[in-house]
N, C-alpha and C. Protein backbone atom coordinates (compact mmCIF):
# COMPACT_ATOMS: atom_id res chain seq x y z
N MET A 1 6.64 22.43 19.51
CA MET A 1 5.56 22.10 19.04
C MET A 1 5.75 20.82 18.53
N SER A 2 4.23 20.44 18.75
CA SER A 2 3.91 18.98 17.87
C SER A 2 2.76 19.36 17.36
N PHE A 3 2.87 18.15 16.83
CA PHE A 3 0.87 18.19 15.36
C PHE A 3 0.94 15.76 15.19
N PHE A 4 0.38 16.46 15.41
CA PHE A 4 -0.40 14.64 15.34
C PHE A 4 -0.52 14.33 13.36
N CYS A 5 0.23 14.34 12.24
CA CYS A 5 -0.75 13.82 10.80
C CYS A 5 -1.75 11.96 10.88
N THR A 6 -2.78 13.17 11.30
CA THR A 6 -3.99 12.37 10.20
C THR A 6 -4.19 11.73 8.87
N THR A 7 -4.02 12.02 8.67
CA THR A 7 -3.67 11.65 6.88
C THR A 7 -3.77 10.11 6.50
N ASP A 8 -4.38 9.64 5.54
CA ASP A 8 -4.01 7.84 6.06
C ASP A 8 -3.14 7.98 5.07
N MET A 9 -1.86 7.25 6.04
CA MET A 9 -0.60 6.33 4.81
C MET A 9 -0.80 5.14 4.63
N ASN A 10 -0.22 4.58 3.95
CA ASN A 10 -0.21 3.30 3.13
C ASN A 10 1.68 3.14 2.92
N GLY A 11 1.30 2.50 4.48
CA GLY A 11 3.22 1.50 4.66
C GLY A 11 4.67 3.14 4.70
N PRO A 12 4.17 4.33 6.28
CA PRO A 12 5.82 4.90 5.47
C PRO A 12 6.43 4.58 5.77
N TRP A 13 7.73 4.42 4.40
CA TRP A 13 8.96 3.90 4.79
C TRP A 13 9.81 5.54 5.17
N GLY A 14 9.82 6.19 4.21
CA GLY A 14 11.28 7.32 4.43
C GLY A 14 10.48 8.42 4.05
N ILE A 15 11.15 10.05 5.33
CA ILE A 15 11.19 11.54 5.13
C ILE A 15 11.86 11.50 5.14
N ALA A 16 11.89 13.01 4.54
CA ALA A 16 12.65 14.12 3.85
C ALA A 16 11.95 15.57 4.90
N SER A 17 12.28 16.32 4.58
CA SER A 17 11.74 17.97 4.38
C SER A 17 13.14 18.85 3.80
N HIS A 18 12.78 19.87 3.70
CA HIS A 18 12.76 20.26 2.71
C HIS A 18 11.74 22.23 2.42
N GLY A 19 12.40 23.03 2.59
CA GLY A 19 12.03 24.29 2.86
C GLY A 19 10.85 24.14 3.98
N ALA A 20 9.43 24.05 3.44
CA ALA A 20 8.25 24.67 4.81
C ALA A 20 7.16 23.06 3.85
N TYR A 21 8.07 22.24 3.89
CA TYR A 21 7.33 21.11 4.42
C TYR A 21 8.33 19.18 4.50
N PHE A 22 7.60 18.63 4.99
CA PHE A 22 8.25 18.04 4.99
C PHE A 22 7.58 16.39 3.47
N TYR A 23 7.84 14.85 3.62
CA TYR A 23 7.61 14.35 2.61
C TYR A 23 8.13 12.89 3.11
N VAL A 24 6.61 12.31 2.86
CA VAL A 24 6.73 10.62 3.11
C VAL A 24 6.77 9.44 2.52
N ALA A 25 7.39 9.43 2.31
CA ALA A 25 7.68 7.92 1.04
C ALA A 25 6.81 7.03 1.56
N ASN A 26 5.61 6.42 1.10
CA ASN A 26 4.89 5.32 1.92
C ASN A 26 5.08 4.27 0.32
N LEU A 27 5.61 3.01 1.65
CA LEU A 27 5.79 1.79 0.90
C LEU A 27 5.09 1.24 -0.31
N SER A 28 4.21 1.06 0.50
CA SER A 28 3.07 0.27 -0.19
C SER A 28 2.70 1.04 -0.58
N GLY A 29 1.96 2.55 -0.70
CA GLY A 29 0.69 2.34 -1.25
C GLY A 29 1.43 3.61 -3.00
N GLY A 30 2.90 3.44 -3.07
CA GLY A 30 3.52 3.82 -4.04
C GLY A 30 3.15 4.88 -4.08
N ASN A 31 3.30 6.62 -3.73
CA ASN A 31 3.37 7.84 -3.42
C ASN A 31 4.09 8.43 -2.35
N VAL A 32 4.22 9.79 -2.42
CA VAL A 32 4.53 10.42 -2.07
C VAL A 32 4.00 11.32 -1.27
N THR A 33 3.66 11.72 0.48
CA THR A 33 2.48 12.28 0.81
C THR A 33 3.26 13.82 1.54
N ARG A 34 2.91 15.35 0.72
CA ARG A 34 3.47 15.96 1.57
C ARG A 34 2.56 17.21 1.99
N TYR A 35 3.68 18.02 3.63
CA TYR A 35 2.99 17.22 4.70
C TYR A 35 3.73 19.19 5.30
N ASP A 36 2.94 19.79 5.42
CA ASP A 36 3.64 20.78 6.10
C ASP A 36 3.52 21.18 7.30
N ILE A 37 4.77 21.44 7.56
CA ILE A 37 5.93 21.47 9.05
C ILE A 37 4.87 22.36 10.05
N ALA A 38 4.67 23.31 9.45
CA ALA A 38 3.55 24.56 10.82
C ALA A 38 2.72 23.99 11.33
N THR A 39 2.36 22.93 10.14
CA THR A 39 0.01 22.75 11.17
C THR A 39 0.58 21.03 11.55
N GLY A 40 1.16 20.08 10.37
CA GLY A 40 0.89 18.73 10.21
C GLY A 40 0.24 18.41 9.21
N ASP A 41 -0.38 19.42 8.57
CA ASP A 41 -1.49 19.31 6.88
C ASP A 41 -1.03 19.02 5.88
N GLU A 42 -1.47 17.32 5.87
CA GLU A 42 -0.89 17.37 4.04
C GLU A 42 -1.43 18.18 3.32
N ASN A 43 -0.10 18.23 2.25
CA ASN A 43 -0.42 19.74 1.52
C ASN A 43 0.15 19.55 0.12
N SER A 44 -0.98 18.31 -0.41
CA SER A 44 -0.08 17.29 -1.78
C SER A 44 -1.03 18.33 -3.18
N SER A 45 -1.50 18.93 -1.95
CA SER A 45 -2.66 19.90 -4.04
C SER A 45 -1.48 20.49 -5.03
N GLY A 46 -1.22 19.84 -6.48
CA GLY A 46 -0.73 19.75 -7.18
C GLY A 46 0.07 18.84 -7.37
N PHE A 47 1.14 18.63 -6.31
CA PHE A 47 1.51 17.35 -5.91
C PHE A 47 1.22 16.26 -6.40
N LEU A 48 1.89 15.76 -7.84
CA LEU A 48 1.72 14.07 -7.77
C LEU A 48 3.00 13.15 -6.75
N CYS A 49 3.74 13.00 -7.49
CA CYS A 49 5.36 11.49 -7.34
C CYS A 49 4.46 10.29 -6.79
N SER A 50 3.76 9.81 -8.08
CA SER A 50 3.15 8.83 -7.40
C SER A 50 3.78 8.12 -8.56
N ALA A 51 3.87 6.12 -8.24
CA ALA A 51 4.48 5.30 -9.30
C ALA A 51 3.50 4.09 -9.37
N ASP A 52 3.60 2.81 -9.70
CA ASP A 52 3.29 1.68 -9.84
C ASP A 52 4.31 0.80 -9.49
N ASN A 53 5.10 1.29 -8.07
CA ASN A 53 6.23 0.83 -7.63
C ASN A 53 5.88 1.07 -5.90
N THR A 54 7.16 0.22 -5.64
CA THR A 54 7.42 0.09 -4.31
C THR A 54 8.08 1.50 -3.66
N PHE A 55 8.13 2.53 -2.88
CA PHE A 55 8.83 3.21 -2.28
C PHE A 55 9.71 2.62 -1.26
N TYR A 56 10.81 3.26 -1.37
CA TYR A 56 11.76 2.82 -0.19
C TYR A 56 12.22 4.38 0.86
N GLY A 57 12.92 4.98 0.36
CA GLY A 57 14.00 5.43 0.80
C GLY A 57 14.06 7.30 -0.03
N ILE A 58 14.06 8.22 0.52
CA ILE A 58 13.85 9.80 -0.15
C ILE A 58 14.77 10.87 0.23
N ALA A 59 15.35 11.60 -0.66
CA ALA A 59 16.22 12.27 -0.40
C ALA A 59 15.79 13.61 -1.48
N ILE A 60 16.29 15.02 -0.76
CA ILE A 60 15.99 15.86 -1.54
C ILE A 60 17.38 17.44 -1.75
N ASP A 61 17.07 17.43 -3.14
CA ASP A 61 17.51 18.14 -2.68
C ASP A 61 16.96 19.72 -3.66
N SER A 62 17.90 20.76 -3.82
CA SER A 62 16.86 21.87 -4.32
C SER A 62 15.94 22.17 -5.16
N SER A 63 15.78 20.83 -6.32
CA SER A 63 15.52 20.95 -7.28
C SER A 63 14.48 19.79 -7.74
N TYR A 64 15.72 18.13 -7.34
CA TYR A 64 14.39 17.01 -7.55
C TYR A 64 14.34 16.56 -5.94
N ILE A 65 13.18 15.34 -6.13
CA ILE A 65 13.01 14.57 -5.44
C ILE A 65 13.45 12.93 -5.06
N TYR A 66 14.95 12.20 -5.01
CA TYR A 66 15.19 11.07 -5.09
C TYR A 66 14.65 10.12 -4.81
N ILE A 67 14.09 9.63 -5.15
CA ILE A 67 13.82 7.51 -4.29
C ILE A 67 14.72 6.30 -4.76
N SER A 68 14.29 5.78 -3.80
CA SER A 68 14.28 4.51 -4.57
C SER A 68 13.54 3.68 -3.84
N ASN A 69 13.45 3.07 -4.94
CA ASN A 69 12.43 1.27 -5.46
C ASN A 69 12.57 0.29 -4.97
N GLY A 70 11.29 0.00 -4.72
CA GLY A 70 10.92 -1.70 -5.24
C GLY A 70 11.61 -2.99 -6.50
N ASP A 71 11.87 -2.17 -7.49
CA ASP A 71 12.20 -2.51 -8.37
C ASP A 71 14.05 -2.37 -8.76
N ASN A 72 14.39 -1.92 -7.84
CA ASN A 72 16.04 -1.51 -7.73
C ASN A 72 16.16 -0.60 -8.54
N THR A 73 15.54 -0.12 -8.28
CA THR A 73 15.63 1.32 -9.44
C THR A 73 16.32 2.58 -8.27
N VAL A 74 16.39 4.18 -9.14
CA VAL A 74 15.97 5.15 -7.99
C VAL A 74 15.25 5.99 -9.57
N SER A 75 14.47 6.93 -8.68
CA SER A 75 13.30 7.45 -9.65
C SER A 75 13.84 8.88 -9.71
N ARG A 76 13.66 9.95 -10.00
CA ARG A 76 14.04 11.15 -9.68
C ARG A 76 12.14 12.31 -10.32
N TYR A 77 12.49 12.81 -8.96
CA TYR A 77 10.66 13.62 -9.69
C TYR A 77 11.09 14.94 -9.33
N ASP A 78 10.24 15.75 -10.10
CA ASP A 78 10.67 16.92 -9.65
C ASP A 78 10.16 17.98 -8.40
N LEU A 79 11.07 19.06 -7.58
CA LEU A 79 10.50 19.12 -6.50
C LEU A 79 9.12 19.99 -6.13
N ALA A 80 9.07 21.14 -7.34
CA ALA A 80 7.91 21.68 -7.58
C ALA A 80 6.90 21.07 -7.72
N THR A 81 6.95 20.20 -8.33
CA THR A 81 5.41 19.46 -9.28
C THR A 81 5.22 17.76 -8.63
N GLY A 82 5.97 16.98 -8.54
CA GLY A 82 5.06 15.87 -7.72
C GLY A 82 5.61 15.36 -9.40
N THR A 83 5.99 15.84 -10.66
CA THR A 83 6.20 15.16 -11.85
C THR A 83 7.69 14.10 -11.71
N GLU A 84 7.68 12.63 -12.68
CA GLU A 84 9.09 12.45 -12.54
C GLU A 84 9.95 12.52 -14.17
N ASN A 85 11.32 13.12 -13.31
CA ASN A 85 11.68 14.19 -14.51
C ASN A 85 12.86 13.02 -14.62
N SER A 86 13.60 12.72 -15.42
CA SER A 86 14.73 11.87 -15.53
C SER A 86 15.81 12.06 -16.83
N SER A 87 15.37 13.11 -17.56
CA SER A 87 16.01 13.97 -17.58
C SER A 87 17.19 14.36 -17.37
N GLY A 88 18.18 13.53 -17.85
CA GLY A 88 20.06 13.51 -18.04
C GLY A 88 19.79 13.01 -16.46
N PHE A 89 18.67 12.41 -16.24
CA PHE A 89 19.51 11.08 -15.17
C PHE A 89 19.25 10.13 -15.67
N SER A 90 19.83 8.87 -14.82
CA SER A 90 20.00 7.65 -14.60
C SER A 90 21.65 7.91 -13.62
N CYS A 91 21.01 6.29 -13.46
CA CYS A 91 21.38 5.49 -11.86
C CYS A 91 22.08 3.58 -12.79
N THR A 92 23.24 3.77 -13.57
CA THR A 92 23.34 2.77 -13.73
C THR A 92 23.92 1.51 -13.28
N VAL A 93 24.02 1.82 -11.60
CA VAL A 93 24.93 0.98 -11.34
C VAL A 93 23.64 -0.87 -10.82
N ASP A 94 24.56 -1.35 -10.33
CA ASP A 94 23.42 -2.29 -10.15
C ASP A 94 23.53 -2.45 -8.38
N LEU A 95 21.20 -2.16 -8.21
CA LEU A 95 21.18 -2.18 -6.89
C LEU A 95 20.31 -4.15 -6.89
N SER A 96 20.51 -3.64 -5.11
CA SER A 96 19.91 -4.66 -4.90
C SER A 96 18.83 -5.05 -2.90
N GLY A 97 17.71 -4.16 -3.15
CA GLY A 97 17.54 -3.72 -2.09
C GLY A 97 17.73 -2.61 -1.66
N PRO A 98 17.70 -1.71 -3.08
CA PRO A 98 18.10 0.01 -2.51
C PRO A 98 16.80 0.73 -1.38
N TYR A 99 16.98 0.80 0.09
CA TYR A 99 16.66 0.79 1.50
C TYR A 99 16.36 2.55 1.88
N GLY A 100 17.95 2.80 1.60
CA GLY A 100 18.27 3.99 2.65
C GLY A 100 18.97 4.62 0.83
N ILE A 101 18.95 6.69 0.93
CA ILE A 101 19.31 6.89 0.16
C ILE A 101 19.57 7.66 0.80
N ALA A 102 20.48 8.82 -0.03
CA ALA A 102 21.18 10.44 0.75
C ALA A 102 22.68 10.85 -0.71
N ILE A 103 22.23 11.95 -0.16
CA ILE A 103 22.31 12.65 -1.65
C ILE A 103 23.46 13.72 -1.03
N ASP A 104 25.11 14.26 -1.81
CA ASP A 104 24.97 15.55 -1.72
C ASP A 104 26.01 16.79 -2.69
N SER A 105 26.11 17.83 -2.92
CA SER A 105 25.94 18.75 -3.86
C SER A 105 26.71 18.28 -4.67
N SER A 106 27.44 16.05 -4.59
CA SER A 106 28.20 15.56 -6.16
C SER A 106 27.29 14.69 -5.95
N TYR A 107 27.73 13.93 -5.20
CA TYR A 107 27.17 11.73 -5.34
C TYR A 107 25.56 12.34 -4.75
N ILE A 108 24.86 10.73 -5.65
CA ILE A 108 24.28 9.76 -4.55
C ILE A 108 24.45 8.90 -4.11
N TYR A 109 24.24 8.78 -2.88
CA TYR A 109 24.65 7.17 -1.67
C TYR A 109 23.21 6.62 -1.37
N VAL A 110 23.42 4.97 -1.97
CA VAL A 110 23.15 4.15 -1.92
C VAL A 110 22.81 3.50 -0.86
N ALA A 111 22.03 2.84 0.00
CA ALA A 111 22.58 0.95 1.40
C ALA A 111 21.31 0.08 0.04
N ASN A 112 22.65 -0.59 -0.02
CA ASN A 112 21.53 -1.69 -0.33
C ASN A 112 21.33 -3.08 0.33
N TYR A 113 19.98 -3.00 0.78
CA TYR A 113 19.62 -4.24 2.19
C TYR A 113 20.10 -5.59 1.39
N VAL A 114 19.65 -6.17 -0.15
CA VAL A 114 20.13 -7.37 0.03
C VAL A 114 21.52 -8.07 -0.37
N SER A 115 21.87 -6.94 -0.87
CA SER A 115 23.32 -7.06 -1.41
C SER A 115 24.89 -6.82 -0.35
N ASN A 116 24.09 -5.97 1.03
CA ASN A 116 24.64 -5.40 2.25
C ASN A 116 25.79 -4.74 1.31
N THR A 117 25.80 -3.84 0.33
CA THR A 117 27.01 -2.78 0.01
C THR A 117 26.23 -1.41 0.06
N ASN A 118 26.99 -0.70 -0.06
CA ASN A 118 27.00 0.72 -0.58
C ASN A 118 27.29 1.57 -1.47
N LYS A 119 25.68 1.49 -2.82
CA LYS A 119 26.34 2.63 -3.67
C LYS A 119 26.83 3.46 -4.12
N ILE A 120 27.59 4.16 -5.00
CA ILE A 120 27.61 5.51 -4.93
C ILE A 120 27.84 5.93 -6.87
């Protein structure tokens, strides 16, 4: 199966999937767009996940979306609603160009482009 997403994107940079959806972090738009995997249709109804920031990488676990940001931070958003949820979450390492992000059951991994390092 193949499909073509016709929704206007604004610098699509990161992509991740979870369940029936895939998510695209828009570099210039400062938002995440949610798409239905089966149809390719945008399905962002009731889903926010936006900020006055530049979004680079995106990673998803069972409850949250983690986004590496242009202001050298990592943000956490609720997977169901797309609203920011930083309760109990903080990223205290020094980041410098955090373009890539990945997660496993215990850690968040961030690739720092500017400093040529990886942070855990």
